[in-house]
C-alpha atoms as a PDB file:
ATOM      1  CA  MET A   1     -10.406 -32.567  61.687  1.00  0.00           C
ATOM      2  CA  VAL A   2     -14.127 -33.809  62.125  1.00  0.00           C
ATOM      3  CA  GLU A   3     -15.036 -33.669  65.477  1.00  0.00           C
ATOM      4  CA  HIS A   4     -15.574 -37.449  67.199  1.00  0.00           C
ATOM      5  CA  VAL A   5     -19.195 -36.187  68.666  1.00  0.00           C
ATOM      6  CA  LEU A   6     -20.144 -36.247  64.725  1.00  0.00           C
ATOM      7  CA  ILE A   7     -18.231 -39.236  64.359  1.00  0.00           C
ATOM      8  CA  ASP A   8     -19.608 -40.594  67.043  1.00  0.00           C
ATOM      9  CA  SER A   9     -22.949 -39.523  66.217  1.00  0.00           C
ATOM     10  CA  LEU A  10     -23.209 -41.508  62.431  1.00  0.00           C
ATOM     11  CA  ASN A  11     -22.272 -44.657  64.083  1.00  0.00           C
ATOM     12  CA  LEU A  12     -24.445 -44.221  67.146  1.00  0.00           C
ATOM     13  CA  LYS A  13     -27.715 -43.087  64.626  1.00  0.00           C
ATOM     14  CA  ALA A  14     -26.401 -45.250  61.653  1.00  0.00           C
ATOM     15  CA  ALA A  15     -30.115 -46.955  61.569  1.00  0.00           C
ATOM     16  CA  GLU A  16     -31.984 -43.548  62.626  1.00  0.00           C
ATOM     17  CA  LEU A  17     -30.488 -42.006  59.845  1.00  0.00           C
ATOM     18  CA  ALA A  18     -30.639 -44.429  57.372  1.00  0.00           C
ATOM     19  CA  ALA A  19     -34.767 -44.817  58.630  1.00  0.00           C
ATOM     20  CA  ARG A  20     -34.780 -40.975  57.181  1.00  0.00           C
ATOM     21  CA  TRP A  21     -33.275 -42.341  54.118  1.00  0.00           C
ATOM     22  CA  LYS A  22     -35.805 -44.960  54.028  1.00  0.00           C
ATOM     23  CA  ASN A  23     -38.805 -42.181  54.238  1.00  0.00           C
ATOM     24  CA  GLN A  24     -37.119 -40.996  51.146  1.00  0.00           C
ATOM     25  CA  VAL A  25     -36.737 -43.364  49.312  1.00  0.00           C
ATOM     26  CA  ARG A  26     -40.651 -44.474  50.089  1.00  0.00           C
ATOM     27  CA  LYS A  27     -41.568 -40.626  48.476  1.00  0.00           C
ATOM     28  CA  ALA A  28     -39.132 -41.051  45.195  1.00  0.00           C
ATOM     29  CA  VAL A  29     -41.287 -42.619  42.486  1.00  0.00           C
ATOM     30  CA  GLN A  30     -38.183 -42.674  40.921  1.00  0.00           C
ATOM     31  CA  LEU A  31     -36.602 -45.497  43.215  1.00  0.00           C
ATOM     32  CA  LYS A  32     -38.979 -48.178  41.854  1.00  0.00           C
ATOM     33  CA  HIS A  33     -36.328 -51.065  42.289  1.00  0.00           C
ATOM     34  CA  TYR A  34     -35.584 -49.414  45.904  1.00  0.00           C
ATOM     35  CA  ASN A  35     -38.943 -49.427  46.636  1.00  0.00           C
ATOM     36  CA  THR A  36     -39.598 -53.253  46.016  1.00  0.00           C
ATOM     37  CA  LEU A  37     -37.274 -53.723  49.345  1.00  0.00           C
ATOM     38  CA  ASP A  38     -39.073 -54.071  52.457  1.00  0.00           C
ATOM     39  CA  ASP A  39     -37.942 -51.354  55.139  1.00  0.00           C
ATOM     40  CA  ASP A  40     -35.802 -53.449  57.377  1.00  0.00           C
ATOM     41  CA  SER A  41     -33.444 -54.176  54.037  1.00  0.00           C
ATOM     42  CA  LEU A  42     -33.356 -50.671  52.773  1.00  0.00           C
ATOM     43  CA  ILE A  43     -32.862 -49.416  56.528  1.00  0.00           C
ATOM     44  CA  ARG A  44     -29.744 -52.269  56.738  1.00  0.00           C
ATOM     45  CA  ALA A  45     -28.246 -51.173  53.245  1.00  0.00           C
ATOM     46  CA  ASP A  46     -28.261 -47.655  54.038  1.00  0.00           C
ATOM     47  CA  THR A  47     -26.954 -48.295  57.855  1.00  0.00           C
ATOM     48  CA  ALA A  48     -23.533 -49.075  56.393  1.00  0.00           C
ATOM     49  CA  ILE A  49     -22.557 -46.351  55.054  1.00  0.00           C
ATOM     50  CA  TYR A  50     -23.202 -43.998  57.691  1.00  0.00           C
ATOM     51  CA  LYS A  51     -20.998 -46.227  59.285  1.00  0.00           C
ATOM     52  CA  LEU A  52     -18.122 -46.227  56.367  1.00  0.00           C
ATOM     53  CA  LEU A  53     -18.257 -42.423  56.503  1.00  0.00           C
ATOM     54  CA  SER A  54     -17.498 -42.462  60.324  1.00  0.00           C
ATOM     55  CA  ARG A  55     -14.649 -45.047  59.337  1.00  0.00           C
ATOM     56  CA  ILE A  56     -13.217 -42.427  57.223  1.00  0.00           C
ATOM     57  CA  PHE A  57     -13.819 -39.535  58.861  1.00  0.00           C
ATOM     58  CA  ASP A  58     -11.871 -41.026  61.771  1.00  0.00           C
ATOM     59  CA  ARG A  59      -8.708 -42.137  60.216  1.00  0.00           C
ATOM     60  CA  GLY A  60      -8.950 -40.124  57.308  1.00  0.00           C
ATOM     61  CA  MET A  61      -9.662 -40.748  53.038  1.00  0.00           C
ATOM     62  CA  ASP A  62      -9.140 -44.363  52.584  1.00  0.00           C
ATOM     63  CA  ARG A  63      -9.551 -44.769  49.022  1.00  0.00           C
ATOM     64  CA  SER A  64      -8.886 -48.608  48.993  1.00  0.00           C
ATOM     65  CA  LEU A  65     -11.777 -49.132  51.714  1.00  0.00           C
ATOM     66  CA  MET A  66     -14.024 -46.592  50.280  1.00  0.00           C
ATOM     67  CA  GLY A  67     -13.044 -48.270  46.725  1.00  0.00           C
ATOM     68  CA  SER A  68     -14.101 -51.910  48.070  1.00  0.00           C
ATOM     69  CA  PHE A  69     -17.473 -51.015  49.739  1.00  0.00           C
ATOM     70  CA  PHE A  70     -18.328 -49.015  46.731  1.00  0.00           C
ATOM     71  CA  VAL A  71     -17.106 -51.377  44.125  1.00  0.00           C
ATOM     72  CA  SER A  72     -18.741 -54.345  46.087  1.00  0.00           C
ATOM     73  CA  LEU A  73     -21.964 -51.994  46.610  1.00  0.00           C
ATOM     74  CA  GLY A  74     -22.104 -51.586  42.271  1.00  0.00           C
ATOM     75  CA  LYS A  75     -21.735 -55.400  41.820  1.00  0.00           C
ATOM     76  CA  SER A  76     -24.262 -56.567  43.804  1.00  0.00           C
ATOM     77  CA  ARG A  77     -27.001 -54.148  43.050  1.00  0.00           C
ATOM     78  CA  MET A  78     -26.380 -54.906  39.326  1.00  0.00           C
ATOM     79  CA  GLN A  79     -26.798 -58.505  40.102  1.00  0.00           C
ATOM     80  CA  GLU A  80     -29.917 -57.533  41.664  1.00  0.00           C
ATOM     81  CA  GLY A  81     -30.976 -56.009  38.663  1.00  0.00           C
ATOM     82  CA  PHE A  82     -30.833 -52.159  39.896  1.00  0.00           C
ATOM     83  CA  PRO A  83     -30.560 -49.439  37.453  1.00  0.00           C
ATOM     84  CA  ILE A  84     -27.280 -47.542  37.896  1.00  0.00           C
ATOM     85  CA  SER A  85     -29.262 -44.104  38.217  1.00  0.00           C
ATOM     86  CA  GLU A  86     -31.249 -45.269  40.917  1.00  0.00           C
ATOM     87  CA  MET A  87     -28.262 -46.271  42.746  1.00  0.00           C
ATOM     88  CA  ILE A  88     -26.824 -42.937  42.130  1.00  0.00           C
ATOM     89  CA  TYR A  89     -30.108 -41.202  43.135  1.00  0.00           C
ATOM     90  CA  ALA A  90     -29.834 -43.426  46.293  1.00  0.00           C
ATOM     91  CA  ILE A  91     -26.873 -42.588  47.357  1.00  0.00           C
ATOM     92  CA  ASN A  92     -27.871 -38.776  46.282  1.00  0.00           C
ATOM     93  CA  LEU A  93     -30.278 -39.261  49.208  1.00  0.00           C
ATOM     94  CA  THR A  94     -28.226 -40.414  51.604  1.00  0.00           C
ATOM     95  CA  GLU A  95     -25.551 -37.744  51.506  1.00  0.00           C
ATOM     96  CA  ARG A  96     -28.933 -35.199  51.707  1.00  0.00           C
ATOM     97  CA  VAL A  97     -29.811 -36.813  54.718  1.00  0.00           C
ATOM     98  CA  ILE A  98     -26.612 -36.517  56.487  1.00  0.00           C
ATOM     99  CA  ILE A  99     -26.151 -33.167  55.530  1.00  0.00           C
ATOM    100  CA  GLU A 100     -29.710 -32.601  56.719  1.00  0.00           C
ATOM    101  CA  TYR A 101     -28.231 -33.747  60.251  1.00  0.00           C
ATOM    102  CA  ILE A 102     -25.711 -31.973  60.366  1.00  0.00           C
ATOM    103  CA  VAL A 103     -27.364 -28.353  59.735  1.00  0.00           C
ATOM    104  CA  THR A 104     -30.355 -29.103  61.611  1.00  0.00           C
ATOM    105  CA  GLU A 105     -29.390 -30.974  64.633  1.00  0.00           C
ATOM    106  CA  TYR A 106     -24.909 -31.144  64.792  1.00  0.00           C
ATOM    107  CA  ALA A 107     -23.982 -27.854  63.938  1.00  0.00           C
ATOM    108  CA  PRO A 108     -26.324 -25.619  65.838  1.00  0.00           C
ATOM    109  CA  ASP A 109     -25.588 -26.680  68.953  1.00  0.00           C
ATOM    110  CA  SER A 110     -22.421 -23.929  68.870  1.00  0.00           C
ATOM    111  CA  PRO A 111     -20.958 -21.420  66.876  1.00  0.00           C
ATOM    112  CA  GLY A 112     -17.751 -23.765  66.769  1.00  0.00           C
ATOM    113  CA  ARG A 113     -19.078 -26.615  65.061  1.00  0.00           C
ATOM    114  CA  MET A 114     -21.628 -23.858  62.440  1.00  0.00           C
ATOM    115  CA  TYR A 115     -18.178 -23.140  61.287  1.00  0.00           C
ATOM    116  CA  GLN A 116     -16.645 -26.547  61.213  1.00  0.00           C
ATOM    117  CA  SER A 117     -19.603 -27.753  59.431  1.00  0.00           C
ATOM    118  CA  MET A 118     -18.810 -26.245  55.844  1.00  0.00           C
ATOM    119  CA  GLY A 119     -15.402 -28.141  55.843  1.00  0.00           C
ATOM    120  CA  VAL A 120     -17.209 -31.429  56.807  1.00  0.00           C
ATOM    121  CA  ILE A 121     -20.207 -31.024  54.402  1.00  0.00           C
ATOM    122  CA  SER A 122     -17.479 -30.522  52.009  1.00  0.00           C
ATOM    123  CA  ASP A 123     -15.924 -33.972  53.128  1.00  0.00           C
ATOM    124  CA  ILE A 124     -18.956 -35.360  52.966  1.00  0.00           C
ATOM    125  CA  SER A 125     -19.654 -34.265  49.044  1.00  0.00           C
ATOM    126  CA  GLU A 126     -16.268 -35.711  48.374  1.00  0.00           C
ATOM    127  CA  PHE A 127     -17.109 -38.927  49.876  1.00  0.00           C
ATOM    128  CA  PHE A 128     -20.197 -39.894  48.093  1.00  0.00           C
ATOM    129  CA  LEU A 129     -18.935 -38.269  44.706  1.00  0.00           C
ATOM    130  CA  LEU A 130     -15.827 -40.574  44.673  1.00  0.00           C
ATOM    131  CA  GLY A 131     -18.400 -43.184  46.384  1.00  0.00           C
ATOM    132  CA  CYS A 132     -20.499 -42.822  42.923  1.00  0.00           C
ATOM    133  CA  PHE A 133     -17.439 -42.935  40.578  1.00  0.00           C
ATOM    134  CA  TYR A 134     -16.555 -46.402  42.503  1.00  0.00           C
ATOM    135  CA  MET A 135     -19.955 -47.558  42.588  1.00  0.00           C
ATOM    136  CA  THR A 136     -20.524 -47.151  38.916  1.00  0.00           C
ATOM    137  CA  LYS A 137     -17.420 -48.548  38.158  1.00  0.00           C
ATOM    138  CA  GLY A 138     -18.158 -51.943  40.153  1.00  0.00           C
ATOM    139  CA  PHE A 139     -21.548 -51.679  37.918  1.00  0.00           C
ATOM    140  CA  LEU A 140     -20.166 -51.543  35.174  1.00  0.00           C
ATOM    141  CA  GLU A 141     -17.143 -54.158  35.631  1.00  0.00           C
ATOM    142  CA  ALA A 142     -20.396 -56.350  36.458  1.00  0.00           C
ATOM    143  CA  VAL A 143     -22.142 -55.488  33.309  1.00  0.00           C
ATOM    144  CA  TYR A 144     -18.843 -56.404  31.798  1.00  0.00           C
ATOM    145  CA  THR A 145     -18.001 -59.647  33.429  1.00  0.00           C
ATOM    146  CA  LYS A 146     -21.496 -60.728  32.596  1.00  0.00           C
ATOM    147  CA  MET A 147     -21.865 -60.080  29.464  1.00  0.00           C
ATOM    148  CA  ASN A 148     -18.470 -61.813  28.428  1.00  0.00           C
ATOM    149  CA  ILE A 149     -19.195 -64.754  30.350  1.00  0.00           C
ATOM    150  CA  ASN A 150     -22.896 -65.483  30.696  1.00  0.00           C
ATOM    151  CA  ASP A 151     -24.189 -63.350  27.444  1.00  0.00           C
ATOM    152  CA  LYS A 152     -20.935 -64.747  25.016  1.00  0.00           C
ATOM    153  CA  VAL A 153     -20.191 -61.562  23.661  1.00  0.00           C
ATOM    154  CA  SER A 154     -16.608 -60.908  22.370  1.00  0.00           C
ATOM    155  CA  GLU A 155     -13.978 -59.353  24.359  1.00  0.00           C
ATOM    156  CA  GLU A 156     -13.266 -57.108  20.944  1.00  0.00           C
ATOM    157  CA  LEU A 157     -16.868 -55.870  21.261  1.00  0.00           C
ATOM    158  CA  LEU A 158     -17.211 -55.126  24.855  1.00  0.00           C
ATOM    159  CA  LYS A 159     -13.885 -53.171  24.755  1.00  0.00           C
ATOM    160  CA  LYS A 160     -15.596 -51.232  21.673  1.00  0.00           C
ATOM    161  CA  TYR A 161     -18.167 -50.173  24.066  1.00  0.00           C
ATOM    162  CA  PHE A 162     -16.399 -50.139  27.695  1.00  0.00           C
ATOM    163  CA  LYS A 163     -13.806 -47.902  27.395  1.00  0.00           C
ATOM    164  CA  ASP A 164     -13.056 -48.260  31.026  1.00  0.00           C
ATOM    165  CA  ASP A 165     -10.269 -49.602  32.921  1.00  0.00           C
ATOM    166  CA  PHE A 166     -11.929 -51.995  35.489  1.00  0.00           C
ATOM    167  CA  PHE A 167     -10.468 -53.529  38.202  1.00  0.00           C
ATOM    168  CA  PHE A 168     -10.728 -57.091  37.286  1.00  0.00           C
ATOM    169  CA  LYS A 169     -12.813 -58.084  34.416  1.00  0.00           C
ATOM    170  CA  LYS A 170     -13.277 -61.606  35.093  1.00  0.00           C
ATOM    171  CA  GLU A 171     -15.038 -62.895  38.464  1.00  0.00           C
ATOM    172  CA  GLU A 172     -12.545 -64.972  40.189  1.00  0.00           C
END
């Protein structure tokens, strides 16, 4: 069980944590597409993830909520021209920011929190791994749809190379 202090902190400090993430993005030469965005856009984009994690911690692992969020993120980033490798790296930086916050600011307050943090960090890792799974599915689904509809690539050829089972194959 995650302490409500941490849940509240993720909500209340979402913009502050996102600003830390933005600073990490600015240092990462691998994130060329992310670095074309202005600071406010980066912070806004990342803030939503902290709020989602807070909600997941508060209500339990909701794969439908997570899936919807990350599939949508994958689709929109693909449509904006972001490579999937950058997206995964950016998500990894978000995970690092949260873990660093827990280890340096949240957990040292008490031995109980230090002990609890080990479990929380495991839950965070599961959240981000599952998030990357859904984000990749959303990204690939958007590529599949774009290639099929806009680029007129045959369904047969797409199925040859896209072995995944997508949630939706055609945009509605």
